[in-house]
C-alpha atoms as a PDB file:
ATOM      1  CA  UNK A   1      92.857-214.950 -14.529  1.00  0.00           C
ATOM      2  CA  UNK A   2      94.054-217.111 -11.484  1.00  0.00           C
ATOM      3  CA  UNK A   3      94.614-220.164 -11.071  1.00  0.00           C
ATOM      4  CA  UNK A   4      95.064-223.287 -13.673  1.00  0.00           C
ATOM      5  CA  UNK A   5      92.411-223.242 -15.742  1.00  0.00           C
ATOM      6  CA  UNK A   6      91.692-226.664 -15.049  1.00  0.00           C
ATOM      7  CA  UNK A   7      91.422-226.458 -11.575  1.00  0.00           C
ATOM      8  CA  UNK A   8      87.596-225.138  -9.824  1.00  0.00           C
ATOM      9  CA  UNK A   9      89.554-221.717  -9.079  1.00  0.00           C
ATOM     10  CA  UNK A  10      90.051-220.334 -12.058  1.00  0.00           C
ATOM     11  CA  UNK A  11      88.491-216.895 -11.750  1.00  0.00           C
ATOM     12  CA  UNK A  12      89.077-213.616 -13.028  1.00  0.00           C
ATOM     13  CA  UNK A  13      91.481-211.137 -11.469  1.00  0.00           C
ATOM     14  CA  UNK A  14      91.373-207.179 -11.958  1.00  0.00           C
ATOM     15  CA  UNK A  15      93.855-204.715 -13.755  1.00  0.00           C
ATOM     16  CA  UNK A  16      92.804-201.219 -13.474  1.00  0.00           C
ATOM     17  CA  UNK A  17      95.259-197.860 -14.254  1.00  0.00           C
ATOM     18  CA  UNK A  18      94.611-194.104 -13.520  1.00  0.00           C
ATOM     19  CA  UNK A  19      92.913-192.121 -16.445  1.00  0.00           C
ATOM     20  CA  UNK A  20      95.269-190.307 -18.317  1.00  0.00           C
ATOM     21  CA  UNK A  21      97.976-192.564 -17.298  1.00  0.00           C
ATOM     22  CA  UNK A  22     100.388-193.525 -19.674  1.00  0.00           C
ATOM     23  CA  UNK A  23      98.965-197.808 -20.136  1.00  0.00           C
ATOM     24  CA  UNK A  24     102.878-198.253 -21.637  1.00  0.00           C
ATOM     25  CA  UNK A  25     103.822-197.680 -18.913  1.00  0.00           C
ATOM     26  CA  UNK A  26     104.224-201.476 -16.174  1.00  0.00           C
ATOM     27  CA  UNK A  27     104.638-199.520 -13.080  1.00  0.00           C
ATOM     28  CA  UNK A  28     100.684-197.815 -13.780  1.00  0.00           C
ATOM     29  CA  UNK A  29      98.989-200.607 -13.124  1.00  0.00           C
ATOM     30  CA  UNK A  30      97.820-201.657 -10.339  1.00  0.00           C
ATOM     31  CA  UNK A  31      96.137-205.594  -9.732  1.00  0.00           C
ATOM     32  CA  UNK A  32      93.402-206.427  -7.360  1.00  0.00           C
ATOM     33  CA  UNK A  33      94.167-207.484  -4.300  1.00  0.00           C
ATOM     34  CA  UNK A  34      91.191-210.268  -4.982  1.00  0.00           C
ATOM     35  CA  UNK A  35      89.501-211.816  -7.762  1.00  0.00           C
ATOM     36  CA  UNK A  36      86.202-209.948  -8.503  1.00  0.00           C
ATOM     37  CA  UNK A  37      84.713-213.058 -10.261  1.00  0.00           C
ATOM     38  CA  UNK A  38      85.177-216.720  -9.153  1.00  0.00           C
ATOM     39  CA  UNK A  39      83.381-219.689  -8.147  1.00  0.00           C
ATOM     40  CA  UNK A  40      80.744-220.475  -6.918  1.00  0.00           C
ATOM     41  CA  UNK A  41      80.033-223.165  -4.870  1.00  0.00           C
ATOM     42  CA  UNK A  42      76.634-223.121  -4.501  1.00  0.00           C
ATOM     43  CA  UNK A  43      75.236-221.993  -7.661  1.00  0.00           C
ATOM     44  CA  UNK A  44      77.026-225.115  -8.897  1.00  0.00           C
ATOM     45  CA  UNK A  45      79.853-222.311 -11.262  1.00  0.00           C
ATOM     46  CA  UNK A  46      83.288-223.361 -11.597  1.00  0.00           C
ATOM     47  CA  UNK A  47      86.335-222.574 -13.018  1.00  0.00           C
ATOM     48  CA  UNK A  48      85.246-219.405 -14.448  1.00  0.00           C
ATOM     49  CA  UNK A  49      87.031-217.055 -16.858  1.00  0.00           C
ATOM     50  CA  UNK A  50      87.566-215.605 -20.135  1.00  0.00           C
ATOM     51  CA  UNK A  51      85.347-212.858 -19.725  1.00  0.00           C
ATOM     52  CA  UNK A  52      84.655-210.556 -22.714  1.00  0.00           C
ATOM     53  CA  UNK A  53      81.912-207.600 -22.627  1.00  0.00           C
ATOM     54  CA  UNK A  54      79.161-207.179 -25.071  1.00  0.00           C
ATOM     55  CA  UNK A  55      76.918-203.607 -25.138  1.00  0.00           C
ATOM     56  CA  UNK A  56      72.636-204.826 -25.517  1.00  0.00           C
ATOM     57  CA  UNK A  57      71.192-204.474 -28.842  1.00  0.00           C
ATOM     58  CA  UNK A  58      70.240-201.131 -28.474  1.00  0.00           C
ATOM     59  CA  UNK A  59      73.673-200.031 -26.085  1.00  0.00           C
ATOM     60  CA  UNK A  60      71.554-199.209 -23.589  1.00  0.00           C
ATOM     61  CA  UNK A  61      73.148-202.152 -21.181  1.00  0.00           C
ATOM     62  CA  UNK A  62      75.976-204.067 -20.455  1.00  0.00           C
ATOM     63  CA  UNK A  63      76.972-207.607 -20.048  1.00  0.00           C
ATOM     64  CA  UNK A  64      79.675-210.350 -19.894  1.00  0.00           C
ATOM     65  CA  UNK A  65      80.440-213.411 -21.487  1.00  0.00           C
ATOM     66  CA  UNK A  66      82.548-215.605 -19.785  1.00  0.00           C
ATOM     67  CA  UNK A  67      82.901-219.181 -19.217  1.00  0.00           C
ATOM     68  CA  UNK A  68      81.776-221.675 -16.334  1.00  0.00           C
ATOM     69  CA  UNK A  69      81.990-225.607 -15.468  1.00  0.00           C
ATOM     70  CA  UNK A  70      79.104-226.744 -13.348  1.00  0.00           C
ATOM     71  CA  UNK A  71      81.545-229.423 -11.728  1.00  0.00           C
ATOM     72  CA  UNK A  72      84.580-229.062 -10.456  1.00  0.00           C
ATOM     73  CA  UNK A  73      86.936-230.560 -12.493  1.00  0.00           C
ATOM     74  CA  UNK A  74      87.589-231.210 -15.876  1.00  0.00           C
ATOM     75  CA  UNK A  75      84.289-231.109 -16.720  1.00  0.00           C
ATOM     76  CA  UNK A  76      83.332-229.220 -20.397  1.00  0.00           C
ATOM     77  CA  UNK A  77      83.143-225.346 -20.061  1.00  0.00           C
ATOM     78  CA  UNK A  78      80.064-223.780 -21.221  1.00  0.00           C
ATOM     79  CA  UNK A  79      79.345-220.627 -22.491  1.00  0.00           C
ATOM     80  CA  UNK A  80      77.600-218.044 -19.801  1.00  0.00           C
ATOM     81  CA  UNK A  81      75.916-214.422 -20.233  1.00  0.00           C
ATOM     82  CA  UNK A  82      75.370-212.604 -17.406  1.00  0.00           C
ATOM     83  CA  UNK A  83      74.184-208.440 -16.997  1.00  0.00           C
ATOM     84  CA  UNK A  84      77.243-206.080 -15.688  1.00  0.00           C
ATOM     85  CA  UNK A  85      77.478-203.637 -13.287  1.00  0.00           C
ATOM     86  CA  UNK A  86      79.419-200.413 -12.409  1.00  0.00           C
ATOM     87  CA  UNK A  87      80.350-198.581  -9.564  1.00  0.00           C
ATOM     88  CA  UNK A  88      80.071-194.837  -9.046  1.00  0.00           C
ATOM     89  CA  UNK A  89      83.624-194.697 -10.105  1.00  0.00           C
ATOM     90  CA  UNK A  90      83.552-196.758 -13.762  1.00  0.00           C
ATOM     91  CA  UNK A  91      84.739-199.742 -12.168  1.00  0.00           C
ATOM     92  CA  UNK A  92      82.992-203.143 -13.405  1.00  0.00           C
ATOM     93  CA  UNK A  93      80.723-205.017 -10.387  1.00  0.00           C
ATOM     94  CA  UNK A  94      80.349-208.707 -11.509  1.00  0.00           C
ATOM     95  CA  UNK A  95      78.544-210.181  -8.631  1.00  0.00           C
ATOM     96  CA  UNK A  96      78.037-213.833  -8.344  1.00  0.00           C
ATOM     97  CA  UNK A  97      77.919-216.532 -11.549  1.00  0.00           C
ATOM     98  CA  UNK A  98      74.232-217.765 -11.333  1.00  0.00           C
ATOM     99  CA  UNK A  99      73.479-221.329 -12.222  1.00  0.00           C
ATOM    100  CA  UNK A 100      73.192-222.573 -15.362  1.00  0.00           C
ATOM    101  CA  UNK A 101      69.444-222.228 -16.337  1.00  0.00           C
ATOM    102  CA  UNK A 102      69.458-218.688 -15.135  1.00  0.00           C
ATOM    103  CA  UNK A 103      67.048-216.552 -17.357  1.00  0.00           C
END
């Protein structure tokens, strides 16, 4: 995560390690230069964070749950759920936070 969770700029970062590498060695981890999921002023979503991945009931799709605010600062966070996509290399694509009442 990036920035303070009380600010509208709280975001999701990404750490990755090469397949087969020793994950206990800190030198094997790579940090993305930019957040992979951050606020969307246009969609009224601020401070997205605390992500967890969930399979659909039949395991055919993956989703992620996170929290976000509908106003920039210090409002209560609400849980939100979105569909997860993957790149050809197996990296998660979170996209843009959707408006609160998106089905």
